[in-house]
Amino acid sequence: MSLIVVENLSKSFRVPERDPGLQAALRSLGRRRFRTVNALCEATFSVERGEMVALLGPNGAGKTTTLKLLAGLLHPSAGRAEVAGYLPWQRRPEFLRRLAMVAGNRSQLTWDIPPMDSWRVLAAIYGVPPAEFRATVDELVALLGLEELLARPVRNLSLGERMKCELVASLVHRPSLLFLDEPTLGLDVSMQRRLRQFIATYNERHGVTVILTSHYMADVVALCPRVLLIHEGKLLYDGPLQQLAAHLAPFKLVRLSLRHDNGGFAPEAALAATIPASMDSGVELLDQSEMGLTLRVRRADIAAVTEHLLGALPVADLAVEDPPIENVIDQIYERGVV
């Protein structure tokens, strides 16, 4: 049985509008103008227990709206959703104990007291027994390396340190479902990596189901084998991330580094002589220098092309890479279709 089941879920908002200027402001006092914004349109998907799923889309696509619907913070305009056997918008206490939400631009820690005191308050709210609270906090503090932060007021912590403490606050009651809305927003590369490692380890240990939204594709690639792609409120794709990349970018990048003893070697001329005519249409030279080449090669031709290159050119190093996933996702944003 799926932990989350969504069928034809929709949410629209009635948004006021007015033209700029004083006269328009005065007119709006007597007669307001509205337009309807469809934040989510007939989305249907399910999420299994223990899955880690990324919810992707440009700004305003409907990602946060979807999370708020699943958390019961919003009522849908149409359709249905069932989360852990509950209707989210009923906000029953037994349902709320099963989930947690972490947002990169929101805080549940009190600014002027140490994080441990905020965690104790949350444990009391959720009715966590003292022994269970101590065991949970000890595990999370060890995983995140927070030992030196427990006595410092939250206002004295860095952004990365606060985000670590926010994760602990969300996991004090050991939820089975974790919503992460831009959890690495504004963090440096090192801190992003540490938080990703923690989330992956916690999922492996406790089987928590994770739905992640992020504009950092490194988060998605590292954590989520499956993606839900939303654009203008519509669910465009539901499936493996790598399958999406293979569909939209049916080629790989081959990067060659050449040895220094190549003399008057002309990379482009040698490349033309090296690649058989039968493959020539599937190989494109993207960049060249005296020291190396970058080629775009059809996936089906990778093995044959690399074999020819290694035999014909003075290759010092060769790397075969997928195109950057950011480029693949950007194609979808521009076209609006998969």
Protein backbone atom coordinates (compact mmCIF):
# COMPACT_ATOMS: atom_id res chain seq x y z
CA MET A 1 0.00 0.00 0.00
CA SER A 2 1.41 3.41 -1.03
CA LEU A 3 2.10 5.94 1.71
CA ILE A 4 0.86 8.80 -0.49
CA VAL A 5 -1.91 8.50 -3.09
CA VAL A 6 -2.88 11.57 -5.16
CA GLU A 7 -5.68 11.50 -7.74
CA ASN A 8 -6.59 14.47 -9.97
CA LEU A 9 -5.51 16.91 -7.27
CA SER A 10 -6.02 20.56 -8.16
CA LYS A 11 -5.61 23.87 -6.38
CA SER A 12 -6.52 27.32 -7.69
CA PHE A 13 -6.27 30.73 -6.06
CA ARG A 14 -8.31 33.86 -6.64
CA VAL A 15 -5.76 36.66 -6.83
CA PRO A 16 -6.61 40.39 -6.76
CA GLU A 17 -5.25 42.59 -9.55
CA ARG A 18 -5.05 46.33 -10.18
CA ASP A 19 -3.17 48.69 -12.44
CA PRO A 20 -0.37 50.85 -10.99
CA GLY A 21 -1.02 54.42 -9.89
CA LEU A 22 -3.13 56.34 -7.37
CA GLN A 23 -6.31 56.44 -9.48
CA ALA A 24 -6.24 52.68 -9.98
CA ALA A 25 -5.75 52.22 -6.23
CA LEU A 26 -8.79 54.40 -5.49
CA ARG A 27 -10.94 52.57 -8.07
CA SER A 28 -9.98 49.23 -6.53
CA LEU A 29 -11.54 50.33 -3.22
CA GLY A 30 -15.00 50.18 -4.79
CA ARG A 31 -14.55 47.47 -7.40
CA ARG A 32 -11.82 44.89 -7.13
CA ARG A 33 -10.62 42.84 -10.07
CA PHE A 34 -9.58 39.22 -9.66
CA ARG A 35 -8.01 36.49 -11.75
CA THR A 36 -7.77 32.76 -11.13
CA VAL A 37 -4.33 31.16 -10.82
CA ASN A 38 -4.17 27.39 -11.26
CA ALA A 39 -1.31 26.40 -9.01
CA LEU A 40 -1.87 22.65 -9.48
CA CYS A 41 -3.92 20.97 -12.21
CA GLU A 42 -5.22 17.39 -11.89
CA ALA A 43 -2.00 15.85 -10.59
CA THR A 44 -2.02 12.07 -10.12
CA PHE A 45 0.85 10.10 -8.54
CA SER A 46 1.72 7.83 -5.63
CA VAL A 47 4.75 7.48 -3.36
CA GLU A 48 5.80 4.24 -1.70
CA ARG A 49 7.06 3.90 1.86
CA GLY A 50 10.78 4.67 2.15
CA GLU A 51 11.01 6.34 -1.28
CA MET A 52 12.99 9.51 -1.87
CA VAL A 53 11.28 11.59 -4.56
CA ALA A 54 12.22 14.99 -5.97
CA LEU A 55 9.55 17.52 -6.89
CA LEU A 56 11.05 19.69 -9.63
CA GLY A 57 9.87 22.76 -11.48
CA PRO A 58 10.68 26.44 -12.08
CA ASN A 59 9.60 29.16 -9.65
CA GLY A 60 5.81 29.31 -9.43
CA ALA A 61 5.34 25.83 -10.92
CA GLY A 62 3.33 24.51 -7.94
CA LYS A 63 5.95 22.59 -5.93
CA THR A 64 5.37 24.24 -2.56
CA THR A 65 1.62 24.23 -3.14
CA THR A 66 1.79 20.46 -3.62
CA LEU A 67 3.73 19.99 -0.39
CA LYS A 68 1.28 22.21 1.52
CA LEU A 69 -1.66 20.20 0.18
CA LEU A 70 -0.04 16.93 1.25
CA ALA A 71 0.76 18.41 4.68
CA GLY A 72 -2.81 19.63 5.10
CA LEU A 73 -1.90 23.32 5.16
CA LEU A 74 -4.14 23.94 2.13
CA HIS A 75 -7.49 22.54 1.05
CA PRO A 76 -7.67 21.33 -2.58
CA SER A 77 -10.03 22.84 -5.13
CA ALA A 78 -10.68 19.40 -6.62
CA GLY A 79 -9.41 15.83 -6.50
CA ARG A 80 -8.27 13.77 -3.54
CA ALA A 81 -5.13 12.89 -1.62
CA GLU A 82 -4.49 10.31 1.04
CA VAL A 83 -1.34 10.43 3.15
CA ALA A 84 -0.56 7.56 5.54
CA GLY A 85 -4.24 6.63 5.42
CA TYR A 86 -5.47 10.13 6.38
CA LEU A 87 -7.01 13.07 4.57
CA PRO A 88 -4.30 15.70 5.16
CA TRP A 89 -6.55 18.78 5.44
CA GLN A 90 -8.41 17.23 8.38
CA ARG A 91 -5.17 17.82 10.36
CA ARG A 92 -5.78 15.05 12.86
CA PRO A 93 -3.15 14.85 15.64
CA GLU A 94 -2.27 11.24 14.77
CA PHE A 95 -1.63 12.36 11.17
CA LEU A 96 0.50 15.35 12.20
CA ARG A 97 2.73 13.07 14.31
CA ARG A 98 3.62 11.13 11.16
CA LEU A 99 5.08 14.00 9.15
CA ALA A 100 7.51 16.89 9.33
CA MET A 101 8.39 19.75 6.99
CA VAL A 102 11.70 21.57 6.71
CA ALA A 103 11.82 24.78 4.66
CA GLY A 104 15.04 26.63 3.92
CA ASN A 105 13.38 30.00 4.55
CA ARG A 106 11.35 29.08 7.67
CA SER A 107 12.43 28.39 11.25
CA GLN A 108 10.86 26.48 14.13
CA LEU A 109 13.66 27.33 16.57
CA THR A 110 13.39 30.12 19.14
CA TRP A 111 16.00 32.76 18.36
CA ASP A 112 17.32 33.60 21.86
CA ILE A 113 17.61 30.14 23.45
CA PRO A 114 19.84 27.13 22.67
CA PRO A 115 18.48 24.61 20.16
CA MET A 116 18.23 21.90 22.83
CA ASP A 117 15.54 23.93 24.63
CA SER A 118 13.50 24.25 21.42
CA TRP A 119 13.83 20.50 20.85
CA ARG A 120 12.53 19.82 24.37
CA VAL A 121 9.49 22.02 23.72
CA LEU A 122 8.74 20.18 20.47
CA ALA A 123 9.16 16.82 22.20
CA ALA A 124 6.60 17.90 24.81
CA ILE A 125 4.18 19.05 22.09
CA TYR A 126 4.42 15.68 20.31
CA GLY A 127 4.34 13.70 23.55
CA VAL A 128 7.73 12.05 23.03
CA PRO A 129 8.78 10.06 26.16
CA PRO A 130 11.98 11.40 27.81
CA ALA A 131 14.02 8.23 27.18
CA GLU A 132 13.02 8.18 23.50
CA PHE A 133 13.77 11.90 23.19
CA ARG A 134 17.28 11.45 24.60
CA ALA A 135 18.01 8.49 22.33
CA THR A 136 16.75 10.34 19.24
CA VAL A 137 18.65 13.55 19.99
CA ASP A 138 21.85 11.65 20.78
CA GLU A 139 21.66 9.86 17.42
CA LEU A 140 20.91 13.02 15.43
CA VAL A 141 23.54 15.12 17.22
CA ALA A 142 26.16 12.45 16.48
CA LEU A 143 25.14 12.16 12.82
CA LEU A 144 25.21 15.93 12.28
CA GLY A 145 28.18 16.75 14.54
CA LEU A 146 26.26 19.23 16.73
CA GLU A 147 27.94 18.57 20.09
CA GLU A 148 29.50 22.05 20.31
CA LEU A 149 26.29 23.90 19.37
CA LEU A 150 23.87 22.64 22.03
CA ALA A 151 24.48 25.44 24.55
CA ARG A 152 24.72 28.37 22.09
CA PRO A 153 21.69 30.60 21.35
CA VAL A 154 20.28 30.05 17.87
CA ARG A 155 21.00 33.67 16.91
CA ASN A 156 24.75 32.94 17.28
CA LEU A 157 24.71 30.03 14.84
CA SER A 158 25.63 30.20 11.16
CA LEU A 159 23.02 29.46 8.50
CA GLY A 160 24.38 25.95 7.96
CA GLU A 161 24.43 25.24 11.69
CA ARG A 162 20.84 26.46 12.02
CA MET A 163 19.70 24.21 9.18
CA LYS A 164 21.24 21.22 10.93
CA CYS A 165 19.34 22.14 14.08
CA GLU A 166 16.14 22.59 12.04
CA LEU A 167 16.51 19.00 10.80
CA VAL A 168 16.82 17.74 14.36
CA ALA A 169 13.73 19.74 15.36
CA SER A 170 11.76 18.12 12.55
CA LEU A 171 12.91 14.60 13.43
CA VAL A 172 12.52 14.71 17.22
CA HIS A 173 9.20 12.80 17.00
CA ARG A 174 10.56 10.35 14.40
CA PRO A 175 8.12 11.07 11.55
CA SER A 176 7.59 8.51 8.80
CA LEU A 177 7.23 11.26 6.16
CA LEU A 178 9.62 14.19 5.66
CA PHE A 179 8.95 17.13 3.33
CA LEU A 180 12.09 19.10 2.45
CA ASP A 181 11.36 22.44 0.75
CA GLU A 182 14.68 23.94 -0.45
CA PRO A 183 16.60 22.61 2.60
CA THR A 184 20.03 23.68 1.24
CA LEU A 185 18.95 27.18 0.21
CA GLY A 186 21.82 29.63 0.70
CA LEU A 187 24.27 27.06 2.05
CA ASP A 188 27.84 26.69 0.82
CA VAL A 189 28.86 23.64 -1.20
CA SER A 190 30.46 21.84 1.75
CA MET A 191 27.40 22.26 3.97
CA GLN A 192 25.08 21.15 1.16
CA ARG A 193 27.09 17.95 0.81
CA ARG A 194 26.96 17.26 4.56
CA LEU A 195 23.19 17.74 4.74
CA ARG A 196 22.67 15.48 1.72
CA GLN A 197 24.80 12.80 3.34
CA PHE A 198 22.79 13.06 6.57
CA ILE A 199 19.44 12.78 4.77
CA ALA A 200 20.59 9.71 2.82
CA THR A 201 21.92 8.04 5.98
CA TYR A 202 18.76 8.78 7.96
CA ASN A 203 16.57 7.40 5.17
CA GLU A 204 18.64 4.23 5.06
CA ARG A 205 18.51 3.73 8.83
CA HIS A 206 14.84 4.51 9.47
CA GLY A 207 13.07 4.12 6.13
CA VAL A 208 11.59 7.62 6.26
CA THR A 209 9.79 8.69 3.08
CA VAL A 210 11.23 11.92 1.66
CA ILE A 211 9.78 14.41 -0.82
CA LEU A 212 12.34 17.05 -1.78
CA THR A 213 12.06 20.31 -3.67
CA SER A 214 15.30 21.99 -4.67
CA HIS A 215 16.78 24.20 -7.38
CA TYR A 216 20.17 22.60 -6.71
CA MET A 217 20.32 19.63 -9.04
CA ALA A 218 23.19 18.18 -6.98
CA ASP A 219 20.62 17.59 -4.20
CA VAL A 220 18.32 15.75 -6.59
CA VAL A 221 21.03 13.64 -8.24
CA ALA A 222 22.53 12.62 -4.88
CA LEU A 223 19.26 11.74 -3.12
CA CYS A 224 16.35 11.03 -5.45
CA PRO A 225 16.28 8.30 -8.12
CA ARG A 226 12.73 9.36 -9.04
CA VAL A 227 11.47 12.81 -10.01
CA LEU A 228 8.07 14.45 -10.39
CA LEU A 229 8.39 17.33 -12.84
CA ILE A 230 5.79 20.10 -12.55
CA HIS A 231 5.46 22.99 -14.97
CA GLU A 232 2.73 25.66 -14.74
CA GLY A 233 0.82 23.47 -12.31
CA LYS A 234 0.81 20.39 -14.56
CA LEU A 235 2.64 17.15 -13.87
CA LEU A 236 4.77 16.62 -16.99
CA TYR A 237 6.88 13.64 -15.94
CA ASP A 238 6.95 10.96 -13.25
CA GLY A 239 9.82 8.49 -13.40
CA PRO A 240 13.58 7.89 -13.08
CA LEU A 241 15.81 10.94 -13.44
CA GLN A 242 18.33 9.12 -15.64
CA GLN A 243 15.60 7.90 -17.99
CA LEU A 244 14.47 11.50 -18.45
CA ALA A 245 18.04 12.55 -19.27
CA ALA A 246 18.48 9.71 -21.76
CA HIS A 247 15.21 10.62 -23.49
CA LEU A 248 15.92 14.34 -23.88
CA ALA A 249 19.70 14.11 -24.37
CA PRO A 250 20.42 10.94 -26.39
CA PHE A 251 24.15 11.64 -26.41
CA LYS A 252 27.15 11.69 -24.09
CA LEU A 253 30.17 13.97 -23.82
CA VAL A 254 33.61 12.52 -24.51
CA ARG A 255 36.52 14.56 -23.17
CA LEU A 256 40.03 13.75 -24.39
CA SER A 257 43.31 14.98 -22.97
CA LEU A 258 46.23 14.57 -25.40
CA ARG A 259 49.87 13.92 -24.61
CA HIS A 260 52.44 16.70 -24.86
CA ASP A 261 54.46 14.79 -27.48
CA ASN A 262 51.88 15.34 -30.25
CA GLY A 263 54.15 17.69 -32.20
CA GLY A 264 52.24 19.51 -34.90
CA PHE A 265 49.14 17.42 -34.31
CA ALA A 266 45.91 18.90 -35.75
CA PRO A 267 43.06 17.54 -33.61
CA GLU A 268 40.19 18.28 -35.98
CA ALA A 269 41.91 16.75 -39.04
CA ALA A 270 42.96 13.66 -37.11
CA LEU A 271 39.48 13.30 -35.68
CA ALA A 272 37.91 13.38 -39.15
CA ALA A 273 40.29 10.64 -40.28
CA THR A 274 39.65 8.61 -37.15
CA ILE A 275 35.84 8.46 -37.05
CA PRO A 276 34.35 6.05 -39.61
CA ALA A 277 31.89 7.53 -42.12
CA SER A 278 29.11 5.35 -40.69
CA MET A 279 29.46 7.14 -37.34
CA ASP A 280 30.30 10.61 -38.54
CA SER A 281 26.72 11.92 -38.30
CA GLY A 282 26.59 10.91 -34.63
CA VAL A 283 29.82 12.65 -33.57
CA GLU A 284 30.09 16.41 -33.11
CA LEU A 285 33.21 18.35 -32.14
CA LEU A 286 32.22 20.85 -29.43
CA ASP A 287 35.62 22.17 -28.38
CA GLN A 288 39.26 21.71 -29.32
CA SER A 289 42.68 22.90 -28.27
CA GLU A 290 46.28 21.74 -28.63
CA MET A 291 45.81 19.65 -25.50
CA GLY A 292 42.40 18.06 -25.97
CA LEU A 293 38.98 17.63 -27.52
CA THR A 294 35.38 17.61 -26.33
CA LEU A 295 32.96 15.59 -28.45
CA ARG A 296 29.24 14.96 -28.40
CA VAL A 297 28.59 11.32 -29.32
CA ARG A 298 25.39 9.33 -29.73
CA ARG A 299 24.92 6.93 -26.83
CA ALA A 300 24.70 3.97 -29.22
CA ASP A 301 28.12 4.83 -30.72
CA ILE A 302 30.07 5.45 -27.49
CA ALA A 303 31.89 2.10 -27.38
CA ALA A 304 32.96 2.12 -31.04
CA VAL A 305 33.98 5.81 -31.05
CA THR A 306 36.09 5.56 -27.90
CA GLU A 307 37.81 2.45 -29.26
CA HIS A 308 38.78 4.31 -32.47
CA LEU A 309 39.94 7.39 -30.53
CA LEU A 310 42.19 5.39 -28.22
CA GLY A 311 43.76 3.61 -31.19
CA ALA A 312 44.32 6.63 -33.40
CA LEU A 313 45.09 9.61 -31.14
CA PRO A 314 47.83 10.21 -28.53
CA VAL A 315 45.34 10.03 -25.66
CA ALA A 316 46.60 10.79 -22.15
CA ASP A 317 43.14 10.65 -20.53
CA LEU A 318 39.57 9.98 -21.68
CA ALA A 319 36.31 10.62 -19.83
CA VAL A 320 32.76 9.79 -20.89
CA GLU A 321 30.08 11.90 -19.18
CA ASP A 322 26.37 12.48 -19.29
CA PRO A 323 25.39 16.04 -20.24
CA PRO A 324 24.70 18.27 -17.20
CA ILE A 325 21.25 17.43 -15.85
CA GLU A 326 20.59 21.18 -15.45
CA ASN A 327 20.66 21.50 -19.25
CA VAL A 328 18.17 18.67 -19.62
CA ILE A 329 15.73 20.17 -17.10
CA ASP A 330 16.13 23.61 -18.68
CA GLN A 331 14.99 22.20 -22.02
CA ILE A 332 11.74 21.09 -20.40
CA TYR A 333 11.19 24.45 -18.73
CA GLU A 334 11.61 26.21 -22.08
CA ARG A 335 9.40 23.84 -24.09
CA GLY A 336 6.80 23.08 -21.44
CA VAL A 337 6.69 19.42 -22.59
CA VAL A 338 8.76 16.30 -22.09
